[in-house]
N, C-alpha and C. Protein backbone atom coordinates (compact mmCIF):
# COMPACT_ATOMS: atom_id res chain seq x y z
N MET A 1 -12.06 -5.27 8.05
CA MET A 1 -13.06 -4.69 9.07
C MET A 1 -12.66 -3.65 9.67
N LYS A 2 -11.32 -3.59 9.97
CA LYS A 2 -10.68 -2.64 10.59
C LYS A 2 -10.69 -1.24 10.15
N ARG A 3 -10.72 -1.34 9.06
CA ARG A 3 -10.58 0.00 8.14
C ARG A 3 -12.06 0.83 7.93
N GLU A 4 -13.09 -0.14 8.15
CA GLU A 4 -14.53 0.20 8.32
C GLU A 4 -14.80 0.81 9.57
N ILE A 5 -14.29 0.03 10.65
CA ILE A 5 -14.51 0.63 12.04
C ILE A 5 -13.77 2.05 12.33
N LEU A 6 -12.64 2.12 11.68
CA LEU A 6 -11.84 3.25 11.80
C LEU A 6 -12.56 4.34 11.29
N GLU A 7 -13.14 4.04 9.92
CA GLU A 7 -13.64 5.09 9.13
C GLU A 7 -14.96 5.81 10.11
N VAL A 8 -15.64 4.99 10.73
CA VAL A 8 -16.69 5.17 11.54
C VAL A 8 -16.39 6.19 12.93
N VAL A 9 -15.54 5.63 13.53
CA VAL A 9 -14.89 6.16 14.76
C VAL A 9 -14.21 7.64 14.13
N ASN A 10 -13.71 7.76 13.33
CA ASN A 10 -13.22 9.17 12.82
C ASN A 10 -14.09 10.01 12.27
N LYS A 11 -15.39 9.74 12.43
CA LYS A 11 -16.54 10.67 12.21
C LYS A 11 -16.85 11.48 13.44
N TYR A 12 -16.43 10.69 14.56
CA TYR A 12 -16.63 11.46 16.02
C TYR A 12 -15.23 11.52 16.88
N VAL A 13 -14.29 11.03 16.41
CA VAL A 13 -13.09 11.30 17.20
C VAL A 13 -11.91 11.28 16.09
N ASN A 14 -11.34 12.56 16.20
CA ASN A 14 -10.23 12.99 15.20
C ASN A 14 -8.66 12.13 15.65
N GLY A 15 -8.16 11.90 14.67
CA GLY A 15 -6.74 11.23 14.91
C GLY A 15 -6.58 9.74 15.18
N VAL A 16 -7.52 8.86 15.14
CA VAL A 16 -7.68 7.79 15.48
C VAL A 16 -6.89 6.84 14.29
N GLN A 17 -5.76 6.28 14.32
CA GLN A 17 -4.99 5.61 13.29
C GLN A 17 -5.33 4.13 13.33
N ILE A 18 -5.07 3.40 12.01
CA ILE A 18 -5.48 1.76 12.20
C ILE A 18 -4.87 1.09 13.19
N ASP A 19 -3.52 1.50 13.52
CA ASP A 19 -2.87 0.91 14.62
C ASP A 19 -3.57 0.89 15.95
N ASP A 20 -4.22 1.84 16.03
CA ASP A 20 -5.03 1.95 17.37
C ASP A 20 -6.31 1.17 17.37
N VAL A 21 -6.57 0.48 16.48
CA VAL A 21 -7.73 -0.49 16.43
C VAL A 21 -7.26 -1.88 16.39
N ASN A 22 -7.54 -2.64 17.51
CA ASN A 22 -7.25 -3.77 17.84
C ASN A 22 -8.77 -4.90 17.87
N ILE A 23 -8.58 -6.01 17.11
CA ILE A 23 -9.89 -6.90 17.03
C ILE A 23 -9.54 -8.15 17.22
N ASN A 24 -9.98 -8.86 18.12
CA ASN A 24 -9.65 -10.41 18.45
C ASN A 24 -10.76 -11.24 18.52
N HIS A 25 -10.80 -12.46 18.00
CA HIS A 25 -11.88 -13.49 17.76
C HIS A 25 -11.54 -14.61 18.60
N ARG A 26 -12.36 -14.97 19.42
CA ARG A 26 -12.05 -16.34 20.27
C ARG A 26 -13.21 -17.09 20.51
N SER A 27 -13.13 -18.28 20.68
CA SER A 27 -14.27 -19.11 20.97
C SER A 27 -14.06 -19.61 22.58
N GLU A 28 -15.19 -19.46 23.16
CA GLU A 28 -15.29 -19.79 24.73
C GLU A 28 -16.67 -20.68 24.58
N ASP A 29 -16.29 -22.04 25.03
CA ASP A 29 -17.37 -23.00 25.26
C ASP A 29 -18.31 -22.85 23.99
N SER A 30 -19.58 -22.46 24.10
CA SER A 30 -20.24 -22.56 22.78
C SER A 30 -20.77 -21.10 22.24
N LEU A 31 -19.77 -20.34 22.84
CA LEU A 31 -19.87 -18.82 22.48
C LEU A 31 -18.55 -18.36 21.44
N ASP A 32 -18.85 -17.64 20.45
CA ASP A 32 -18.00 -16.68 19.87
C ASP A 32 -17.80 -15.40 20.23
N VAL A 33 -16.70 -14.95 20.68
CA VAL A 33 -16.22 -13.45 21.16
C VAL A 33 -15.58 -12.84 20.21
N LEU A 34 -16.00 -11.55 20.01
CA LEU A 34 -15.39 -10.57 19.24
C LEU A 34 -15.02 -9.45 20.29
N GLU A 35 -13.67 -9.31 20.45
CA GLU A 35 -13.39 -8.14 21.28
C GLU A 35 -12.52 -7.15 20.59
N MET A 36 -13.08 -5.85 20.76
CA MET A 36 -12.70 -4.72 19.93
C MET A 36 -12.19 -3.82 20.95
N ASN A 37 -10.91 -3.29 20.72
CA ASN A 37 -10.34 -2.36 21.72
C ASN A 37 -9.77 -1.30 20.67
N ILE A 38 -10.11 0.22 21.06
CA ILE A 38 -9.61 1.21 20.38
C ILE A 38 -8.99 2.14 21.10
N SER A 39 -7.48 2.69 20.95
CA SER A 39 -7.11 3.47 21.76
C SER A 39 -7.42 5.02 21.09
N LEU A 40 -8.12 5.66 22.17
CA LEU A 40 -8.65 6.98 21.66
C LEU A 40 -7.63 8.07 22.01
N PRO A 41 -7.38 9.27 21.12
CA PRO A 41 -6.72 10.52 21.67
C PRO A 41 -7.47 11.25 22.74
N GLU A 42 -6.97 12.17 23.40
CA GLU A 42 -7.44 12.93 24.35
C GLU A 42 -8.46 13.70 23.79
N HIS A 43 -8.41 14.51 22.44
CA HIS A 43 -9.36 15.44 22.23
C HIS A 43 -10.36 15.01 21.21
N LYS A 44 -11.80 15.15 21.28
CA LYS A 44 -12.76 14.70 20.43
C LYS A 44 -12.83 15.87 19.10
N LYS A 45 -13.35 15.54 18.19
CA LYS A 45 -13.85 16.44 17.27
C LYS A 45 -14.98 17.55 17.67
């Protein structure tokens, strides 16, 4: 999933690497939470 997200992000922002994408999944009470953090470079395409 990280590679697919990276492909989409790189359509709009140049220079994002696989290590810049962090995905965490956790359960809270009766909810499943998918958290995604992407470190973006300063310059966009």
